Amino acid sequence: MNFNGHFRSEASNFSSLGLGSGSNAVKQYILARAMLQPNVVIDDHFSLKSQWSLLSSPNFTPVTSNGLWSGQGGYVFGDPSATYLTLNRAYLEWASDFGVLRMGRVPVSWGYGVVYDSGDQVWDDFQSALDRVEYRLHLGHIIGGVAYSKGRKLSTLGNTSDQEFYTFYFQYDNPEAEVDAGIMYEKQARATAQSADLTGSANTGNPFNPYHMPTATSPAGADQPAYPLATKTPYPLSNNFLDLYIKKTAGYFTFGGEIAWLSGDAVDYDGDGANGGTDTLNAYAALLTASYEYHKVKAFIEFLYASGDDDLNGDHLNGFVVLNRNRGRSLILGKELLGLYHGPFVGYGSLMVYGNNDTVSGVYYLRPGFRVDWDESWSTGVEAMIARKAVVAPGDNANLGVELDLGVTYGVYRNFDLGANVALLFPGLGLRVADPKTAFALRTTAVIKF
């Protein structure tokens, strides 16, 4: 048996997350995550792989126990309601001369993670996992694959309450030419019977709504107001999903991008029965990135656009609601909920949740950064996030704000790092607070990887 994984911890202090609206109490906590990924090698061909979260705080952090499309947010020191030993991946892998077959609850990643991101980075708070049968064949630099996935199943009686995905993809991976590219087509079919569960309007203990917030089961969550998408989210129903990406390195430069497009039918958001009882779906997202690395210096810039919809009662869905929650997570603006929606929960922030009722704001942001590795132990860096809503309804404001993050890392020894971050957010009126106040964050971290 082989083990890999990590242990991460952070001591964080946030001020003025309310931006001047109501209570602006300081948020303070120590948060940790112990993640194990055992690999049981059965023989030369078969292995059984899994992922364990040793402790989690479902009342505070992104919930690990939902399994599919779950969070992996860790646990808060002192939380008496912390849960133990959550298994959120388990799959069999068969490697042979004819390809690789994987079966079980499988992590799924694609491209730059615009939609599918397995959340394997230390500071990722969410992961994509599907109950899946996948076969891939390697022919030199060409990789072809097919997969059948169950995104959700609420009854064993027939398939009238199922989500079924049929996936086909090709990749070109050439390390000599330093090129990695791929195209994926996926037919996604969700049963109409799941409509209330998909939008989050069903009062179930395990809703599918990706913007769902935990129920306030204790005084710690009693003052957490819900943003509109937490109550009801428009969602694809039966649709086509097309995604292309490319990564290329040339000398000191690396650049690439990903484009994702959804088309087909969405859940009838307003329930008017028009258009055959479904809404017309047409939404897209695009990510572009470039970096320059020369000896001790690395600079990068990233741009992401996710489409929005300013009228969900118009029998259409143009908002890209399936944008992966790991994208655009700066220390304050993308990670924490702000303004009217700030509260005790940790890591539930999103750039997509500040639109008016019956809208999906979408988002576009620019994220430049710069890092210097001074020696084998010390490095410092600075990042900025400039974010705006992609669409706005009448009376709304597009500006989400500008954030500046500074960080320092010290490598104590191999695979063990200490760090500190300072963040300053200059909020925009798009966060739905009049005359918003500047927010500040201070975080110290410790990470060991194995």
Protein backbone atom coordinates (compact mmCIF):
# COMPACT_ATOMS: atom_id res chain seq x y z
CA MET A 1 0.00 0.00 0.00
CA ASN A 2 1.22 3.50 -0.92
CA PHE A 3 0.09 6.71 0.72
CA ASN A 4 0.18 10.30 -0.40
CA GLY A 5 -1.68 13.37 0.74
CA HIS A 6 -1.12 16.45 2.85
CA PHE A 7 -1.81 18.22 6.11
CA ARG A 8 -2.51 21.92 5.92
CA SER A 9 -3.34 24.40 8.65
CA GLU A 10 -4.08 28.11 8.80
CA ALA A 11 -4.70 30.69 11.48
CA SER A 12 -6.83 33.43 9.93
CA ASN A 13 -8.11 36.82 11.00
CA PHE A 14 -10.60 38.76 8.84
CA SER A 15 -11.92 42.24 9.58
CA SER A 16 -14.89 44.13 8.14
CA LEU A 17 -16.27 41.30 6.00
CA GLY A 18 -19.64 43.01 6.39
CA LEU A 19 -18.17 46.01 4.54
CA GLY A 20 -20.11 48.31 6.87
CA SER A 21 -23.49 46.52 6.68
CA GLY A 22 -24.83 45.39 10.07
CA SER A 23 -22.40 43.47 12.26
CA ASN A 24 -18.74 43.76 11.31
CA ALA A 25 -17.29 41.45 13.94
CA VAL A 26 -13.84 40.07 13.31
CA LYS A 27 -13.77 36.47 12.07
CA GLN A 28 -11.03 34.40 13.68
CA TYR A 29 -10.33 30.69 13.45
CA ILE A 30 -7.70 27.98 13.17
CA LEU A 31 -8.53 25.61 10.35
CA ALA A 32 -6.81 22.37 9.37
CA ARG A 33 -7.22 19.59 6.84
CA ALA A 34 -5.70 16.12 6.95
CA MET A 35 -6.13 14.39 3.59
CA LEU A 36 -4.99 10.86 2.84
CA GLN A 37 -4.99 9.21 -0.60
CA PRO A 38 -4.16 5.50 -0.14
CA ASN A 39 -3.32 3.35 -3.17
CA VAL A 40 -3.69 -0.39 -2.60
CA VAL A 41 -1.61 -2.14 -5.27
CA ILE A 42 -3.32 -5.47 -5.86
CA ASP A 43 -0.97 -6.74 -8.59
CA ASP A 44 0.79 -5.45 -11.71
CA HIS A 45 -2.54 -4.47 -13.30
CA PHE A 46 -5.05 -3.66 -10.55
CA SER A 47 -5.03 -1.03 -7.84
CA LEU A 48 -7.68 0.35 -5.50
CA LYS A 49 -7.47 4.10 -4.90
CA SER A 50 -9.33 6.27 -2.42
CA GLN A 51 -9.34 9.59 -0.58
CA TRP A 52 -10.01 10.11 3.11
CA SER A 53 -10.69 13.37 4.92
CA LEU A 54 -9.79 12.59 8.54
CA LEU A 55 -11.77 15.42 10.15
CA SER A 56 -14.27 17.95 8.80
CA SER A 57 -16.56 20.66 10.15
CA PRO A 58 -19.81 20.45 8.13
CA ASN A 59 -21.35 23.31 10.14
CA PHE A 60 -18.60 25.69 8.97
CA THR A 61 -16.64 24.47 5.92
CA PRO A 62 -17.57 23.07 2.46
CA VAL A 63 -19.21 19.74 3.27
CA THR A 64 -17.15 16.63 2.53
CA SER A 65 -19.88 14.07 3.26
CA ASN A 66 -22.04 14.79 0.18
CA GLY A 67 -19.58 12.72 -1.84
CA LEU A 68 -20.45 13.81 -5.37
CA TRP A 69 -19.25 17.33 -6.31
CA SER A 70 -18.35 17.76 -2.68
CA GLY A 71 -16.40 20.24 -0.65
CA GLN A 72 -13.20 19.36 1.16
CA GLY A 73 -12.86 22.27 3.47
CA GLY A 74 -11.28 20.79 6.60
CA TYR A 75 -12.17 21.31 10.24
CA VAL A 76 -12.20 24.21 12.67
CA PHE A 77 -10.19 23.79 15.86
CA GLY A 78 -12.54 23.37 18.80
CA ASP A 79 -15.61 22.38 16.75
CA PRO A 80 -17.52 19.79 18.85
CA SER A 81 -19.58 18.78 15.81
CA ALA A 82 -16.59 17.77 13.67
CA THR A 83 -17.10 14.51 11.77
CA TYR A 84 -14.52 11.77 11.34
CA LEU A 85 -13.08 9.67 8.52
CA THR A 86 -15.07 10.79 5.49
CA LEU A 87 -14.42 8.67 2.40
CA ASN A 88 -15.17 10.70 -0.75
CA ARG A 89 -13.31 8.70 -3.43
CA ALA A 90 -13.01 4.97 -4.00
CA TYR A 91 -12.33 3.41 -7.37
CA LEU A 92 -10.68 0.44 -9.04
CA GLU A 93 -8.06 1.07 -11.73
CA TRP A 94 -7.06 -1.62 -14.23
CA ALA A 95 -4.01 -0.86 -16.37
CA SER A 96 -3.26 -3.17 -19.30
CA ASP A 97 -1.77 -3.19 -22.79
CA PHE A 98 -5.22 -2.25 -24.05
CA GLY A 99 -5.61 0.90 -21.98
CA VAL A 100 -6.74 2.00 -18.53
CA LEU A 101 -10.17 1.26 -17.03
CA ARG A 102 -11.40 3.09 -13.94
CA MET A 103 -14.62 2.27 -12.10
CA GLY A 104 -16.11 3.73 -8.93
CA ARG A 105 -16.30 7.19 -7.37
CA VAL A 106 -13.66 8.80 -9.53
CA PRO A 107 -12.04 12.29 -9.38
CA VAL A 108 -12.53 14.17 -12.65
CA SER A 109 -10.29 16.94 -14.02
CA TRP A 110 -10.11 18.58 -17.42
CA GLY A 111 -8.00 21.39 -18.83
CA TYR A 112 -7.62 24.35 -16.50
CA GLY A 113 -10.56 23.27 -14.33
CA VAL A 114 -13.23 25.64 -15.62
CA VAL A 115 -15.85 22.94 -14.95
CA TYR A 116 -14.07 19.76 -13.84
CA ASP A 117 -11.39 20.09 -11.16
CA SER A 118 -10.46 17.16 -8.92
CA GLY A 119 -9.26 19.57 -6.23
CA ASP A 120 -5.84 17.98 -5.75
CA GLN A 121 -4.04 21.23 -4.93
CA VAL A 122 -3.36 21.87 -1.26
CA TRP A 123 -5.55 24.96 -1.03
CA ASP A 124 -8.47 23.71 -3.16
CA ASP A 125 -11.72 23.65 -1.17
CA PHE A 126 -13.89 21.77 -3.69
CA GLN A 127 -13.54 18.72 -5.89
CA SER A 128 -15.28 17.13 -8.90
CA ALA A 129 -16.04 13.45 -8.34
CA LEU A 130 -18.50 11.25 -10.22
CA ASP A 131 -19.63 7.65 -9.98
CA ARG A 132 -18.09 6.65 -13.28
CA VAL A 133 -16.89 3.94 -15.62
CA GLU A 134 -14.08 5.32 -17.78
CA TYR A 135 -11.83 3.74 -20.39
CA ARG A 136 -8.85 5.53 -21.92
CA LEU A 137 -6.40 4.36 -24.56
CA HIS A 138 -2.89 5.78 -25.08
CA LEU A 139 -1.56 5.71 -28.66
CA GLY A 140 1.75 7.56 -28.57
CA HIS A 141 0.97 11.20 -27.91
CA ILE A 142 -2.76 10.66 -28.58
CA ILE A 143 -5.14 9.76 -25.76
CA GLY A 144 -8.74 8.79 -26.44
CA GLY A 145 -11.37 8.10 -23.81
CA VAL A 146 -15.03 7.32 -23.21
CA ALA A 147 -16.93 7.43 -19.93
CA TYR A 148 -20.37 6.84 -18.49
CA SER A 149 -21.15 8.70 -15.26
CA LYS A 150 -23.96 8.84 -12.74
CA GLY A 151 -24.03 12.37 -11.38
CA ARG A 152 -26.96 11.62 -9.08
CA LYS A 153 -29.56 8.88 -8.53
CA LEU A 154 -32.45 9.24 -6.10
CA SER A 155 -34.23 5.91 -6.62
CA THR A 156 -33.39 2.41 -7.82
CA LEU A 157 -36.80 2.13 -9.55
CA GLY A 158 -35.91 2.70 -13.20
CA ASN A 159 -33.95 5.76 -14.26
CA THR A 160 -36.60 8.44 -13.93
CA SER A 161 -34.66 10.17 -11.14
CA ASP A 162 -31.14 9.87 -12.55
CA GLN A 163 -28.37 12.04 -13.93
CA GLU A 164 -26.50 10.29 -16.73
CA PHE A 165 -23.44 11.70 -18.52
CA TYR A 166 -21.94 10.23 -21.71
CA THR A 167 -18.41 11.53 -22.32
CA PHE A 168 -16.03 11.34 -25.28
CA TYR A 169 -12.64 13.03 -25.36
CA PHE A 170 -9.33 13.22 -27.19
CA GLN A 171 -6.07 14.65 -25.89
CA TYR A 172 -2.71 15.37 -27.46
CA ASP A 173 0.15 15.34 -24.95
CA ASN A 174 3.65 15.82 -26.36
CA PRO A 175 6.30 16.57 -23.71
CA GLU A 176 9.01 17.05 -26.36
CA ALA A 177 7.02 19.77 -28.10
CA GLU A 178 5.70 21.01 -24.72
CA VAL A 179 2.11 20.92 -25.94
CA ASP A 180 -0.97 19.60 -24.14
CA ALA A 181 -4.39 20.01 -25.77
CA GLY A 182 -7.77 18.34 -25.64
CA ILE A 183 -11.39 18.37 -26.78
CA MET A 184 -14.28 16.85 -24.86
CA TYR A 185 -17.94 16.36 -25.71
CA GLU A 186 -20.40 15.30 -23.05
CA LYS A 187 -24.10 14.58 -23.30
CA GLN A 188 -25.68 15.37 -19.94
CA ALA A 189 -29.17 14.06 -19.19
CA ARG A 190 -30.91 14.88 -15.91
CA ALA A 191 -34.37 13.60 -15.07
CA THR A 192 -37.13 16.22 -14.88
CA ALA A 193 -38.09 14.70 -11.54
CA GLN A 194 -34.85 16.16 -10.13
CA SER A 195 -35.75 19.75 -11.06
CA ALA A 196 -36.52 20.92 -7.52
CA ASP A 197 -33.40 19.17 -6.23
CA LEU A 198 -31.22 20.73 -8.94
CA THR A 199 -32.42 24.26 -8.29
CA GLY A 200 -32.20 23.86 -4.53
CA SER A 201 -35.87 24.66 -3.95
CA ALA A 202 -36.44 21.13 -2.58
CA ASN A 203 -36.08 20.96 1.19
CA THR A 204 -33.81 17.92 1.26
CA GLY A 205 -30.89 17.11 3.51
CA ASN A 206 -28.55 16.56 0.54
CA PRO A 207 -29.44 19.08 -2.19
CA PHE A 208 -27.54 19.17 -5.45
CA ASN A 209 -27.59 22.96 -5.78
CA PRO A 210 -23.88 23.89 -6.07
CA TYR A 211 -24.53 27.21 -4.28
CA HIS A 212 -26.35 25.61 -1.36
CA MET A 213 -25.50 26.88 2.12
CA PRO A 214 -25.54 24.67 5.23
CA THR A 215 -28.64 24.89 7.41
CA ALA A 216 -28.12 27.01 10.49
CA THR A 217 -28.21 24.20 13.04
CA SER A 218 -26.49 26.15 15.80
CA PRO A 219 -26.19 29.74 17.06
CA ALA A 220 -22.98 29.97 14.99
CA GLY A 221 -25.03 29.93 11.79
CA ALA A 222 -28.11 31.76 12.97
CA ASP A 223 -27.16 35.15 11.52
CA GLN A 224 -25.99 33.87 8.12
CA PRO A 225 -28.37 35.34 5.51
CA ALA A 226 -28.78 33.45 2.23
CA TYR A 227 -27.83 35.00 -1.09
CA PRO A 228 -30.41 34.46 -3.88
CA LEU A 229 -28.62 31.54 -5.57
CA ALA A 230 -28.53 29.64 -2.26
CA THR A 231 -32.33 29.53 -2.28
CA LYS A 232 -32.91 28.83 -5.96
CA THR A 233 -30.37 28.27 -8.73
CA PRO A 234 -31.17 27.82 -12.43
CA TYR A 235 -29.59 24.63 -13.71
CA PRO A 236 -29.05 22.64 -16.93
CA LEU A 237 -31.39 19.70 -17.50
CA SER A 238 -30.68 17.90 -20.78
CA ASN A 239 -27.81 19.50 -22.60
CA ASN A 240 -24.63 19.27 -24.65
CA PHE A 241 -21.30 20.24 -23.12
CA LEU A 242 -18.30 21.03 -25.32
CA ASP A 243 -14.88 21.96 -23.90
CA LEU A 244 -11.53 22.67 -25.55
CA TYR A 245 -8.20 23.57 -23.96
CA ILE A 246 -4.56 24.03 -24.94
CA LYS A 247 -1.30 24.55 -23.01
CA LYS A 248 1.97 25.46 -24.71
CA THR A 249 5.45 26.25 -23.40
CA ALA A 250 7.94 28.17 -25.53
CA GLY A 251 11.21 29.02 -23.84
CA TYR A 252 10.50 31.00 -20.70
CA PHE A 253 6.83 31.52 -21.63
CA THR A 254 3.83 29.29 -21.03
CA PHE A 255 0.39 30.21 -22.31
CA GLY A 256 -2.95 28.57 -22.89
CA GLY A 257 -6.67 28.67 -22.37
CA GLU A 258 -9.94 26.80 -22.10
CA ILE A 259 -13.37 27.40 -23.64
CA ALA A 260 -16.52 25.67 -22.34
CA TRP A 261 -20.00 25.85 -23.92
CA LEU A 262 -23.37 24.55 -22.70
CA SER A 263 -26.39 24.26 -24.98
CA GLY A 264 -29.74 22.48 -24.77
CA ASP A 265 -32.48 22.59 -22.13
CA ALA A 266 -32.50 23.90 -18.58
CA VAL A 267 -34.93 23.51 -15.69
CA ASP A 268 -38.12 25.57 -16.08
CA TYR A 269 -37.02 28.24 -13.62
CA ASP A 270 -40.31 30.14 -13.25
CA GLY A 271 -42.54 27.08 -13.73
CA ASP A 272 -44.69 28.68 -16.42
CA GLY A 273 -44.63 25.57 -18.64
CA ALA A 274 -43.62 27.58 -21.69
CA ASN A 275 -41.20 26.23 -24.31
CA GLY A 276 -42.28 22.64 -23.64
CA GLY A 277 -41.69 22.92 -19.90
CA THR A 278 -37.97 23.75 -20.14
CA ASP A 279 -35.83 26.85 -20.57
CA THR A 280 -33.42 27.28 -23.47
CA LEU A 281 -29.79 26.88 -22.37
CA ASN A 282 -26.92 28.75 -24.01
CA ALA A 283 -24.01 29.61 -21.72
CA TYR A 284 -20.25 29.71 -22.00
CA ALA A 285 -17.02 30.42 -20.13
CA ALA A 286 -13.46 31.14 -21.25
CA LEU A 287 -10.15 31.23 -19.42
CA LEU A 288 -6.86 32.60 -20.76
CA THR A 289 -3.54 32.44 -18.96
CA ALA A 290 0.11 33.28 -19.60
CA SER A 291 3.23 33.05 -17.45
CA TYR A 292 6.91 33.90 -17.66
CA GLU A 293 9.51 32.07 -15.58
CA TYR A 294 13.18 33.01 -15.61
CA HIS A 295 15.47 31.60 -12.93
CA LYS A 296 14.15 32.99 -9.63
CA VAL A 297 11.39 35.15 -11.09
CA LYS A 298 7.90 34.07 -12.16
CA ALA A 299 5.13 36.36 -13.40
CA PHE A 300 1.65 35.31 -14.54
CA ILE A 301 -1.69 36.72 -15.61
CA GLU A 302 -5.07 35.01 -15.79
CA PHE A 303 -8.37 36.18 -17.28
CA LEU A 304 -11.69 34.39 -16.86
CA TYR A 305 -15.14 35.18 -18.24
CA ALA A 306 -18.33 33.31 -17.28
CA SER A 307 -21.56 34.43 -18.94
CA GLY A 308 -24.52 35.72 -16.96
CA ASP A 309 -28.27 36.17 -17.31
CA ASP A 310 -30.14 39.26 -16.13
CA ASP A 311 -33.67 37.77 -16.43
CA LEU A 312 -34.18 34.15 -15.44
CA ASN A 313 -37.95 34.51 -15.92
CA GLY A 314 -37.49 34.92 -19.67
CA ASP A 315 -37.53 31.14 -20.44
CA HIS A 316 -33.79 31.03 -21.06
CA LEU A 317 -30.59 30.35 -19.12
CA ASN A 318 -27.50 32.19 -20.34
CA GLY A 319 -25.64 32.09 -17.02
CA PHE A 320 -22.70 29.70 -16.68
CA VAL A 321 -23.80 28.30 -13.31
CA VAL A 322 -21.48 25.26 -13.50
CA LEU A 323 -18.28 27.31 -13.12
CA ASN A 324 -16.05 25.33 -10.77
CA ARG A 325 -15.97 26.74 -7.25
CA ASN A 326 -12.16 26.53 -7.14
CA ARG A 327 -11.82 29.26 -9.77
CA GLY A 328 -11.23 32.87 -8.79
CA ARG A 329 -10.61 32.30 -5.09
CA SER A 330 -8.45 35.12 -3.80
CA LEU A 331 -8.01 35.26 -0.04
CA ILE A 332 -11.04 37.52 0.61
CA LEU A 333 -13.03 38.25 -2.53
CA GLY A 334 -13.37 34.73 -3.87
CA LYS A 335 -13.16 32.73 -0.65
CA GLU A 336 -15.30 34.57 1.90
CA LEU A 337 -18.89 35.79 1.68
CA LEU A 338 -19.10 39.56 2.01
CA GLY A 339 -21.49 42.37 2.78
CA LEU A 340 -25.05 41.29 3.54
CA TYR A 341 -24.07 37.63 3.28
CA HIS A 342 -21.06 37.49 5.59
CA GLY A 343 -21.29 35.13 8.54
CA PRO A 344 -19.59 32.27 10.37
CA PHE A 345 -19.12 29.90 7.44
CA VAL A 346 -15.62 29.44 6.01
CA GLY A 347 -14.70 28.99 2.34
CA TYR A 348 -18.19 29.42 0.89
CA GLY A 349 -17.39 32.58 -1.05
CA SER A 350 -17.99 32.92 -4.79
CA LEU A 351 -17.78 35.73 -7.31
CA MET A 352 -21.10 34.57 -8.80
CA VAL A 353 -23.47 35.16 -5.87
CA TYR A 354 -23.91 38.94 -5.69
CA GLY A 355 -26.55 39.36 -8.39
CA ASN A 356 -30.16 40.43 -7.87
CA ASN A 357 -33.01 37.97 -7.40
CA ASP A 358 -33.83 35.96 -10.54
CA THR A 359 -30.47 36.71 -12.14
CA VAL A 360 -27.10 35.02 -12.58
CA SER A 361 -24.51 37.77 -12.59
CA GLY A 362 -21.73 35.77 -14.20
CA VAL A 363 -18.26 37.19 -13.69
CA TYR A 364 -15.08 38.28 -15.37
CA TYR A 365 -11.83 38.90 -13.60
CA LEU A 366 -8.19 39.69 -14.24
CA ARG A 367 -5.63 38.15 -11.89
CA PRO A 368 -1.97 39.15 -12.35
CA GLY A 369 0.78 37.93 -10.04
CA PHE A 370 4.51 38.01 -9.44
CA ARG A 371 6.79 35.75 -7.35
CA VAL A 372 10.50 35.73 -6.50
CA ASP A 373 12.32 32.67 -5.12
CA TRP A 374 15.17 34.32 -3.26
CA ASP A 375 16.87 31.02 -2.40
CA GLU A 376 15.95 27.40 -1.79
CA SER A 377 13.96 28.35 1.31
CA TRP A 378 12.49 31.85 0.93
CA SER A 379 10.03 33.19 -1.61
CA THR A 380 7.73 36.20 -1.73
CA GLY A 381 4.87 37.08 -4.02
CA VAL A 382 2.11 39.53 -4.81
CA GLU A 383 -1.20 38.95 -6.57
CA ALA A 384 -4.12 41.18 -7.52
CA MET A 385 -7.73 40.41 -8.38
CA ILE A 386 -9.91 42.80 -10.37
CA ALA A 387 -13.44 41.42 -10.66
CA ARG A 388 -16.74 42.54 -12.20
CA LYS A 389 -20.13 41.02 -12.93
CA ALA A 390 -20.63 39.90 -16.52
CA VAL A 391 -24.22 41.23 -16.63
CA VAL A 392 -26.26 43.45 -14.34
CA ALA A 393 -29.99 43.95 -13.88
CA PRO A 394 -31.42 47.47 -13.74
CA GLY A 395 -30.28 49.18 -10.55
CA ASP A 396 -27.39 46.79 -9.99
CA ASN A 397 -23.67 47.62 -10.15
CA ALA A 398 -21.01 45.52 -11.92
CA ASN A 399 -17.94 46.41 -9.83
CA LEU A 400 -17.06 43.66 -7.33
CA GLY A 401 -13.82 45.26 -6.25
CA VAL A 402 -10.04 45.05 -6.33
CA GLU A 403 -7.99 42.88 -4.00
CA LEU A 404 -4.27 42.91 -3.32
CA ASP A 405 -2.61 39.85 -1.72
CA LEU A 406 0.96 39.68 -0.40
CA GLY A 407 2.63 36.45 0.69
CA VAL A 408 5.86 34.96 1.99
CA THR A 409 6.82 31.27 2.19
CA TYR A 410 9.65 29.61 4.06
CA GLY A 411 10.60 26.02 3.24
CA VAL A 412 11.66 24.52 6.57
CA TYR A 413 12.78 21.37 4.80
CA ARG A 414 11.62 19.19 1.95
CA ASN A 415 7.79 19.12 1.69
CA PHE A 416 7.27 21.26 4.81
CA ASP A 417 6.47 24.96 4.32
CA LEU A 418 5.48 27.84 6.56
CA GLY A 419 3.81 30.93 5.17
CA ALA A 420 2.05 34.21 5.85
CA ASN A 421 -0.42 36.22 3.74
CA VAL A 422 -1.86 39.70 3.99
CA ALA A 423 -4.86 40.77 1.88
CA LEU A 424 -6.57 44.10 1.36
CA LEU A 425 -9.92 44.37 -0.45
CA PHE A 426 -11.20 47.60 -1.93
CA PRO A 427 -14.83 46.56 -2.47
CA GLY A 428 -17.09 47.72 -5.27
CA LEU A 429 -20.76 48.63 -5.15
CA GLY A 430 -21.52 45.32 -6.89
CA LEU A 431 -21.21 43.63 -3.47
CA ARG A 432 -24.58 45.23 -2.68
CA VAL A 433 -23.44 47.52 0.14
CA ALA A 434 -23.71 51.30 -0.12
CA ASP A 435 -20.40 53.02 0.65
CA PRO A 436 -18.58 49.72 1.41
CA LYS A 437 -15.62 49.74 3.79
CA THR A 438 -12.21 48.22 3.10
CA ALA A 439 -11.74 44.61 4.29
CA PHE A 440 -8.49 43.18 5.63
CA ALA A 441 -7.16 39.65 6.18
CA LEU A 442 -4.10 38.13 7.83
CA ARG A 443 -3.29 34.44 7.55
CA THR A 444 -0.42 32.22 8.68
CA THR A 445 -0.07 28.72 7.21
CA ALA A 446 1.76 25.44 7.63
CA VAL A 447 1.73 22.68 5.00
CA ILE A 448 3.33 19.27 4.81
CA LYS A 449 2.95 17.11 1.68
CA PHE A 450 3.79 13.45 1.38
